Amino acid sequence: MAYRSFEDLEVWKKALAVSVKVYDVLKGTRDFGLKDQMTRSAVSIASNIAEGAERDSKVEFVRFLHIAKSSAAELRTQIYIASRIRIISDEKANELVDELKVLSKQLHALIRHLKPKT
């Protein structure tokens, strides 16, 4: 896997785009507790990919990719909640969940690629 910087990674670019979309979807939300949780989870995905990539260790990178994948699952759960309490529309929720499922699959594939073969 050749890359110069985490900014070159498609998975990081996708995570960044999801994070921006979450901020946009929640722009007018007055439920500050859930909004804060959701934006933290969203930011955590791209941030952990970047932090892991800069660790100069495949083992550390994989560890941070697992954290990013967990944050994606956390965010999906929060989106389901936000949809059910009508903070975001079902349409936006489905769109975000679909993107996060793709992102999780990409993270999983990268983790498998980086893990040492036994």
C-alpha atoms as a PDB file:
ATOM      1  CA  MET A   1       0.000   0.000   0.000  1.00  0.00           C
ATOM      2  CA  ALA A   2       1.827   3.056  -1.227  1.00  0.00           C
ATOM      3  CA  TYR A   3       0.772   6.479  -0.079  1.00  0.00           C
ATOM      4  CA  ARG A   4       2.636   9.589   0.939  1.00  0.00           C
ATOM      5  CA  SER A   5       0.172  10.974   3.438  1.00  0.00           C
ATOM      6  CA  PHE A   6      -3.179  10.140   4.988  1.00  0.00           C
ATOM      7  CA  GLU A   7      -4.674  12.792   2.680  1.00  0.00           C
ATOM      8  CA  ASP A   8      -3.996  10.376  -0.207  1.00  0.00           C
ATOM      9  CA  LEU A   9      -6.196   7.648   1.300  1.00  0.00           C
ATOM     10  CA  GLU A  10      -9.646   7.301  -0.270  1.00  0.00           C
ATOM     11  CA  VAL A  11     -11.040   6.023   3.013  1.00  0.00           C
ATOM     12  CA  TRP A  12      -9.885   9.200   4.775  1.00  0.00           C
ATOM     13  CA  LYS A  13     -11.418  11.368   2.028  1.00  0.00           C
ATOM     14  CA  LYS A  14     -14.731   9.518   2.412  1.00  0.00           C
ATOM     15  CA  ALA A  15     -14.616   9.881   6.207  1.00  0.00           C
ATOM     16  CA  LEU A  16     -13.940  13.600   5.857  1.00  0.00           C
ATOM     17  CA  ALA A  17     -16.894  13.985   3.480  1.00  0.00           C
ATOM     18  CA  VAL A  18     -19.201  12.120   5.878  1.00  0.00           C
ATOM     19  CA  SER A  19     -18.078  14.340   8.739  1.00  0.00           C
ATOM     20  CA  VAL A  20     -18.842  17.506   6.781  1.00  0.00           C
ATOM     21  CA  LYS A  21     -22.223  16.087   5.754  1.00  0.00           C
ATOM     22  CA  VAL A  22     -23.113  15.334   9.399  1.00  0.00           C
ATOM     23  CA  TYR A  23     -22.311  18.930  10.360  1.00  0.00           C
ATOM     24  CA  ASP A  24     -24.438  20.168   7.471  1.00  0.00           C
ATOM     25  CA  VAL A  25     -27.410  17.917   8.310  1.00  0.00           C
ATOM     26  CA  LEU A  26     -27.312  19.003  11.957  1.00  0.00           C
ATOM     27  CA  LYS A  27     -26.793  22.714  11.274  1.00  0.00           C
ATOM     28  CA  GLY A  28     -30.147  23.863  12.672  1.00  0.00           C
ATOM     29  CA  THR A  29     -30.486  21.218  15.378  1.00  0.00           C
ATOM     30  CA  ARG A  30     -31.261  22.476  18.847  1.00  0.00           C
ATOM     31  CA  ASP A  31     -30.700  19.130  20.598  1.00  0.00           C
ATOM     32  CA  PHE A  32     -27.168  20.043  21.530  1.00  0.00           C
ATOM     33  CA  GLY A  33     -26.400  16.851  23.440  1.00  0.00           C
ATOM     34  CA  LEU A  34     -27.071  14.470  20.556  1.00  0.00           C
ATOM     35  CA  LYS A  35     -25.633  16.948  18.047  1.00  0.00           C
ATOM     36  CA  ASP A  36     -22.395  17.081  20.057  1.00  0.00           C
ATOM     37  CA  GLN A  37     -22.193  13.279  20.261  1.00  0.00           C
ATOM     38  CA  MET A  38     -22.829  12.872  16.552  1.00  0.00           C
ATOM     39  CA  THR A  39     -20.300  15.474  15.447  1.00  0.00           C
ATOM     40  CA  ARG A  40     -17.687  14.014  17.802  1.00  0.00           C
ATOM     41  CA  SER A  41     -18.245  10.539  16.370  1.00  0.00           C
ATOM     42  CA  ALA A  42     -18.085  11.860  12.813  1.00  0.00           C
ATOM     43  CA  VAL A  43     -14.879  13.795  13.420  1.00  0.00           C
ATOM     44  CA  SER A  44     -13.365  10.805  15.205  1.00  0.00           C
ATOM     45  CA  ILE A  45     -13.550   8.610  12.109  1.00  0.00           C
ATOM     46  CA  ALA A  46     -11.340  10.754   9.865  1.00  0.00           C
ATOM     47  CA  SER A  47      -9.144  11.821  12.790  1.00  0.00           C
ATOM     48  CA  ASN A  48      -8.301   8.255  13.803  1.00  0.00           C
ATOM     49  CA  ILE A  49      -7.501   7.269  10.228  1.00  0.00           C
ATOM     50  CA  ALA A  50      -5.103  10.224  10.028  1.00  0.00           C
ATOM     51  CA  GLU A  51      -3.552   9.591  13.432  1.00  0.00           C
ATOM     52  CA  GLY A  52      -3.011   5.916  12.715  1.00  0.00           C
ATOM     53  CA  ALA A  53      -1.473   6.604   9.326  1.00  0.00           C
ATOM     54  CA  GLU A  54       1.067   8.929  10.908  1.00  0.00           C
ATOM     55  CA  ARG A  55       2.200   6.379  13.517  1.00  0.00           C
ATOM     56  CA  ASP A  56       4.753   4.745  11.191  1.00  0.00           C
ATOM     57  CA  SER A  57       3.663   1.300  12.359  1.00  0.00           C
ATOM     58  CA  LYS A  58       1.248  -1.078  10.655  1.00  0.00           C
ATOM     59  CA  VAL A  59       0.157  -2.452  14.027  1.00  0.00           C
ATOM     60  CA  GLU A  60      -0.649   1.035  15.304  1.00  0.00           C
ATOM     61  CA  PHE A  61      -2.350   1.989  12.045  1.00  0.00           C
ATOM     62  CA  VAL A  62      -4.581  -1.086  12.273  1.00  0.00           C
ATOM     63  CA  ARG A  63      -5.407  -0.248  15.897  1.00  0.00           C
ATOM     64  CA  PHE A  64      -6.533   3.261  14.918  1.00  0.00           C
ATOM     65  CA  LEU A  65      -8.479   1.925  11.927  1.00  0.00           C
ATOM     66  CA  HIS A  66     -10.408  -0.291  14.345  1.00  0.00           C
ATOM     67  CA  ILE A  67     -11.173   2.787  16.453  1.00  0.00           C
ATOM     68  CA  ALA A  68     -12.339   4.647  13.321  1.00  0.00           C
ATOM     69  CA  LYS A  69     -14.579   1.691  12.374  1.00  0.00           C
ATOM     70  CA  SER A  70     -16.044   1.685  15.893  1.00  0.00           C
ATOM     71  CA  SER A  71     -16.755   5.406  15.626  1.00  0.00           C
ATOM     72  CA  ALA A  72     -18.568   4.772  12.338  1.00  0.00           C
ATOM     73  CA  ALA A  73     -20.791   2.216  14.087  1.00  0.00           C
ATOM     74  CA  GLU A  74     -21.380   4.644  16.950  1.00  0.00           C
ATOM     75  CA  LEU A  75     -22.386   7.346  14.480  1.00  0.00           C
ATOM     76  CA  ARG A  76     -24.764   4.991  12.655  1.00  0.00           C
ATOM     77  CA  THR A  77     -26.501   4.265  15.960  1.00  0.00           C
ATOM     78  CA  GLN A  78     -26.798   7.973  16.708  1.00  0.00           C
ATOM     79  CA  ILE A  79     -28.252   8.580  13.234  1.00  0.00           C
ATOM     80  CA  TYR A  80     -30.915   5.931  13.859  1.00  0.00           C
ATOM     81  CA  ILE A  81     -31.794   7.692  17.115  1.00  0.00           C
ATOM     82  CA  ALA A  82     -31.824  11.135  15.482  1.00  0.00           C
ATOM     83  CA  SER A  83     -34.117   9.848  12.756  1.00  0.00           C
ATOM     84  CA  ARG A  84     -36.535   8.247  15.182  1.00  0.00           C
ATOM     85  CA  ILE A  85     -36.817  11.384  17.300  1.00  0.00           C
ATOM     86  CA  ARG A  86     -37.176  13.423  14.103  1.00  0.00           C
ATOM     87  CA  ILE A  87     -34.012  15.495  14.360  1.00  0.00           C
ATOM     88  CA  ILE A  88     -33.089  14.430  10.838  1.00  0.00           C
ATOM     89  CA  SER A  89     -35.269  13.144   8.019  1.00  0.00           C
ATOM     90  CA  ASP A  90     -35.475   9.451   7.195  1.00  0.00           C
ATOM     91  CA  GLU A  91     -34.086  10.284   3.754  1.00  0.00           C
ATOM     92  CA  LYS A  92     -30.952  11.962   5.164  1.00  0.00           C
ATOM     93  CA  ALA A  93     -30.580   9.234   7.784  1.00  0.00           C
ATOM     94  CA  ASN A  94     -30.695   6.489   5.149  1.00  0.00           C
ATOM     95  CA  GLU A  95     -28.214   8.370   2.983  1.00  0.00           C
ATOM     96  CA  LEU A  96     -25.756   8.784   5.859  1.00  0.00           C
ATOM     97  CA  VAL A  97     -26.172   5.201   7.067  1.00  0.00           C
ATOM     98  CA  ASP A  98     -25.520   3.889   3.559  1.00  0.00           C
ATOM     99  CA  GLU A  99     -22.355   6.001   3.299  1.00  0.00           C
ATOM    100  CA  LEU A 100     -21.183   4.828   6.713  1.00  0.00           C
ATOM    101  CA  LYS A 101     -21.751   1.178   5.784  1.00  0.00           C
ATOM    102  CA  VAL A 102     -19.574   1.654   2.700  1.00  0.00           C
ATOM    103  CA  LEU A 103     -16.970   3.436   4.809  1.00  0.00           C
ATOM    104  CA  SER A 104     -16.969   0.600   7.353  1.00  0.00           C
ATOM    105  CA  LYS A 105     -16.435  -1.931   4.553  1.00  0.00           C
ATOM    106  CA  GLN A 106     -13.538   0.146   3.228  1.00  0.00           C
ATOM    107  CA  LEU A 107     -12.006   0.331   6.700  1.00  0.00           C
ATOM    108  CA  HIS A 108     -12.431  -3.424   7.129  1.00  0.00           C
ATOM    109  CA  ALA A 109     -10.748  -4.074   3.779  1.00  0.00           C
ATOM    110  CA  LEU A 110      -7.828  -1.792   4.683  1.00  0.00           C
ATOM    111  CA  ILE A 111      -7.460  -3.500   8.067  1.00  0.00           C
ATOM    112  CA  ARG A 112      -7.348  -6.921   6.376  1.00  0.00           C
ATOM    113  CA  HIS A 113      -4.818  -5.619   3.864  1.00  0.00           C
ATOM    114  CA  LEU A 114      -2.514  -4.263   6.572  1.00  0.00           C
ATOM    115  CA  LYS A 115      -2.735  -7.153   9.050  1.00  0.00           C
ATOM    116  CA  PRO A 116       0.134  -9.601   8.838  1.00  0.00           C
ATOM    117  CA  LYS A 117      -0.794 -12.837   7.082  1.00  0.00           C
ATOM    118  CA  THR A 118      -0.687 -15.806   9.435  1.00  0.00           C
END
